[in-house]
């Protein structure tokens, strides 16, 4: 996932995603790679972070 996909997933702006991913204390996973277009993360890592830090946004939250 790139910054735009994470922004969509969290319902925030790409600038806010950059703040979240840059903050050590928020514990966001390290990117898988840093490309010319930006950083990319494993979707599974992002989804795990969402379950831990934004449980209302977890993909399985609607089915519980």
N, C-alpha and C. Protein backbone atom coordinates (compact mmCIF):
# COMPACT_ATOMS: atom_id res chain seq x y z
N UNK A 1 0.84 -1.17 0.00
CA UNK A 1 0.00 0.00 0.00
C UNK A 1 0.88 1.23 0.00
N UNK A 2 0.44 2.22 -0.74
CA UNK A 2 1.12 3.50 -0.74
C UNK A 2 0.38 4.49 0.15
N UNK A 3 0.90 5.69 0.21
CA UNK A 3 0.31 6.73 1.05
C UNK A 3 -1.13 7.00 0.69
N UNK A 4 -1.45 7.06 -0.60
CA UNK A 4 -2.83 7.35 -1.02
C UNK A 4 -3.79 6.26 -0.56
N UNK A 5 -3.39 5.00 -0.68
CA UNK A 5 -4.26 3.90 -0.25
C UNK A 5 -4.46 3.90 1.26
N UNK A 6 -3.41 4.20 1.99
CA UNK A 6 -3.53 4.27 3.45
C UNK A 6 -4.43 5.44 3.84
N UNK A 7 -4.29 6.57 3.15
CA UNK A 7 -5.16 7.72 3.42
C UNK A 7 -6.62 7.36 3.20
N UNK A 8 -6.91 6.67 2.10
CA UNK A 8 -8.28 6.23 1.84
C UNK A 8 -8.77 5.30 2.94
N UNK A 9 -7.93 4.38 3.33
CA UNK A 9 -8.29 3.38 4.34
C UNK A 9 -8.59 4.02 5.69
N UNK A 10 -7.81 5.07 6.05
CA UNK A 10 -7.97 5.73 7.34
C UNK A 10 -8.95 6.90 7.29
N UNK A 11 -9.28 7.35 6.08
CA UNK A 11 -10.17 8.50 5.95
C UNK A 11 -9.49 9.80 6.33
N UNK A 12 -8.21 9.90 6.01
CA UNK A 12 -7.42 11.10 6.31
C UNK A 12 -6.71 11.56 5.04
N UNK A 13 -6.04 12.68 5.13
CA UNK A 13 -5.28 13.19 3.99
C UNK A 13 -3.93 12.50 3.89
N UNK A 14 -3.34 12.52 2.70
CA UNK A 14 -1.98 11.97 2.57
C UNK A 14 -0.98 12.66 3.51
N UNK A 15 -1.17 13.95 3.75
CA UNK A 15 -0.28 14.66 4.67
C UNK A 15 -0.38 14.08 6.08
N UNK A 16 -1.59 13.73 6.50
CA UNK A 16 -1.77 13.12 7.82
C UNK A 16 -1.14 11.73 7.85
N UNK A 17 -1.24 10.99 6.76
CA UNK A 17 -0.57 9.67 6.69
C UNK A 17 0.92 9.85 6.91
N UNK A 18 1.51 10.85 6.29
CA UNK A 18 2.94 11.10 6.47
C UNK A 18 3.26 11.39 7.92
N UNK A 19 2.41 12.14 8.61
CA UNK A 19 2.62 12.40 10.03
C UNK A 19 2.57 11.11 10.83
N UNK A 20 1.57 10.28 10.54
CA UNK A 20 1.40 9.02 11.27
C UNK A 20 2.59 8.09 11.02
N UNK A 21 2.99 7.95 9.77
CA UNK A 21 4.07 7.01 9.44
C UNK A 21 5.43 7.51 9.91
N UNK A 22 5.58 8.81 10.05
CA UNK A 22 6.86 9.37 10.51
C UNK A 22 6.99 9.38 12.04
N UNK A 23 5.88 9.25 12.75
CA UNK A 23 5.90 9.32 14.21
C UNK A 23 6.30 7.99 14.81
N UNK A 24 7.40 7.99 15.51
CA UNK A 24 7.89 6.76 16.16
C UNK A 24 6.91 6.30 17.22
N UNK A 25 6.34 7.24 17.98
CA UNK A 25 5.48 6.85 19.09
C UNK A 25 4.14 6.25 18.66
N UNK A 26 3.74 6.42 17.40
CA UNK A 26 2.49 5.82 16.93
C UNK A 26 2.68 4.38 16.46
N UNK A 27 3.93 3.95 16.36
CA UNK A 27 4.23 2.55 16.09
C UNK A 27 3.81 2.03 14.72
N UNK A 28 3.75 2.91 13.73
CA UNK A 28 3.37 2.45 12.40
C UNK A 28 4.48 1.54 11.86
N UNK A 29 4.11 0.48 11.14
CA UNK A 29 5.14 -0.44 10.64
C UNK A 29 6.12 0.25 9.68
N UNK A 30 7.29 -0.29 9.61
CA UNK A 30 8.30 0.23 8.67
C UNK A 30 7.86 -0.09 7.25
N UNK A 31 8.18 0.79 6.32
CA UNK A 31 7.82 0.51 4.92
C UNK A 31 8.59 -0.69 4.38
N UNK A 32 7.96 -1.38 3.46
CA UNK A 32 8.60 -2.50 2.79
C UNK A 32 9.70 -2.00 1.87
N UNK A 33 9.42 -0.89 1.19
CA UNK A 33 10.39 -0.31 0.26
C UNK A 33 10.17 1.19 0.14
N UNK A 34 11.23 1.85 -0.26
CA UNK A 34 11.17 3.29 -0.56
C UNK A 34 11.47 3.44 -2.05
N UNK A 35 10.44 3.79 -2.79
CA UNK A 35 10.56 3.93 -4.23
C UNK A 35 10.59 5.40 -4.61
N UNK A 36 10.85 5.69 -5.86
CA UNK A 36 10.81 7.08 -6.32
C UNK A 36 9.47 7.72 -6.02
N UNK A 37 8.40 6.96 -6.21
CA UNK A 37 7.05 7.48 -6.00
C UNK A 37 6.69 7.63 -4.53
N UNK A 38 7.49 7.06 -3.66
CA UNK A 38 7.24 7.14 -2.23
C UNK A 38 7.42 5.79 -1.57
N UNK A 39 7.02 5.73 -0.33
CA UNK A 39 7.16 4.50 0.44
C UNK A 39 5.97 3.57 0.17
N UNK A 40 6.20 2.29 0.35
CA UNK A 40 5.12 1.30 0.25
C UNK A 40 5.20 0.35 1.44
N UNK A 41 4.03 -0.11 1.88
CA UNK A 41 3.92 -0.99 3.02
C UNK A 41 3.17 -2.24 2.63
N UNK A 42 3.41 -3.32 3.33
CA UNK A 42 2.62 -4.53 3.15
C UNK A 42 1.21 -4.25 3.67
N UNK A 43 0.21 -4.58 2.89
CA UNK A 43 -1.18 -4.35 3.30
C UNK A 43 -1.48 -5.06 4.62
N UNK A 44 -0.95 -6.26 4.80
CA UNK A 44 -1.19 -7.00 6.05
C UNK A 44 -0.65 -6.25 7.26
N UNK A 45 0.52 -5.62 7.11
CA UNK A 45 1.09 -4.84 8.21
C UNK A 45 0.23 -3.63 8.54
N UNK A 46 -0.26 -2.96 7.49
CA UNK A 46 -1.11 -1.78 7.69
C UNK A 46 -2.42 -2.20 8.36
N UNK A 47 -3.02 -3.29 7.89
CA UNK A 47 -4.28 -3.76 8.47
C UNK A 47 -4.09 -4.16 9.94
N UNK A 48 -2.96 -4.75 10.29
CA UNK A 48 -2.68 -5.10 11.68
C UNK A 48 -2.59 -3.83 12.53
N UNK A 49 -1.93 -2.80 12.01
CA UNK A 49 -1.81 -1.54 12.73
C UNK A 49 -3.19 -0.92 12.92
N UNK A 50 -4.02 -0.98 11.89
CA UNK A 50 -5.38 -0.44 11.99
C UNK A 50 -6.16 -1.19 13.07
N UNK A 51 -6.08 -2.51 13.10
CA UNK A 51 -6.80 -3.29 14.12
C UNK A 51 -6.36 -2.89 15.52
N UNK A 52 -5.07 -2.60 15.69
CA UNK A 52 -4.55 -2.25 17.02
C UNK A 52 -4.82 -0.80 17.40
N UNK A 53 -4.71 0.11 16.43
CA UNK A 53 -4.75 1.54 16.74
C UNK A 53 -6.02 2.26 16.29
N UNK A 54 -6.76 1.69 15.37
CA UNK A 54 -8.01 2.28 14.88
C UNK A 54 -9.05 1.16 14.70
N UNK A 55 -9.40 0.46 15.79
CA UNK A 55 -10.25 -0.72 15.67
C UNK A 55 -11.60 -0.47 14.99
N UNK A 56 -12.14 0.72 15.09
CA UNK A 56 -13.42 1.01 14.44
C UNK A 56 -13.29 0.94 12.91
N UNK A 57 -12.07 1.08 12.39
CA UNK A 57 -11.84 1.04 10.95
C UNK A 57 -11.42 -0.34 10.45
N UNK A 58 -11.24 -1.27 11.36
CA UNK A 58 -10.79 -2.61 10.96
C UNK A 58 -11.81 -3.23 10.01
N UNK A 59 -11.30 -3.93 9.00
CA UNK A 59 -12.17 -4.51 7.98
C UNK A 59 -13.20 -5.46 8.54
N UNK A 60 -12.89 -6.14 9.63
CA UNK A 60 -13.84 -7.08 10.20
C UNK A 60 -14.72 -6.45 11.27
N UNK A 61 -14.58 -5.14 11.52
CA UNK A 61 -15.36 -4.47 12.56
C UNK A 61 -16.85 -4.50 12.25
N UNK A 62 -17.22 -4.44 10.96
CA UNK A 62 -18.63 -4.42 10.60
C UNK A 62 -19.28 -5.79 10.82
N UNK A 63 -18.52 -6.86 10.80
CA UNK A 63 -19.10 -8.19 10.92
C UNK A 63 -19.19 -8.66 12.36
N UNK A 64 -18.55 -7.97 13.29
CA UNK A 64 -18.58 -8.37 14.70
C UNK A 64 -19.88 -7.99 15.36
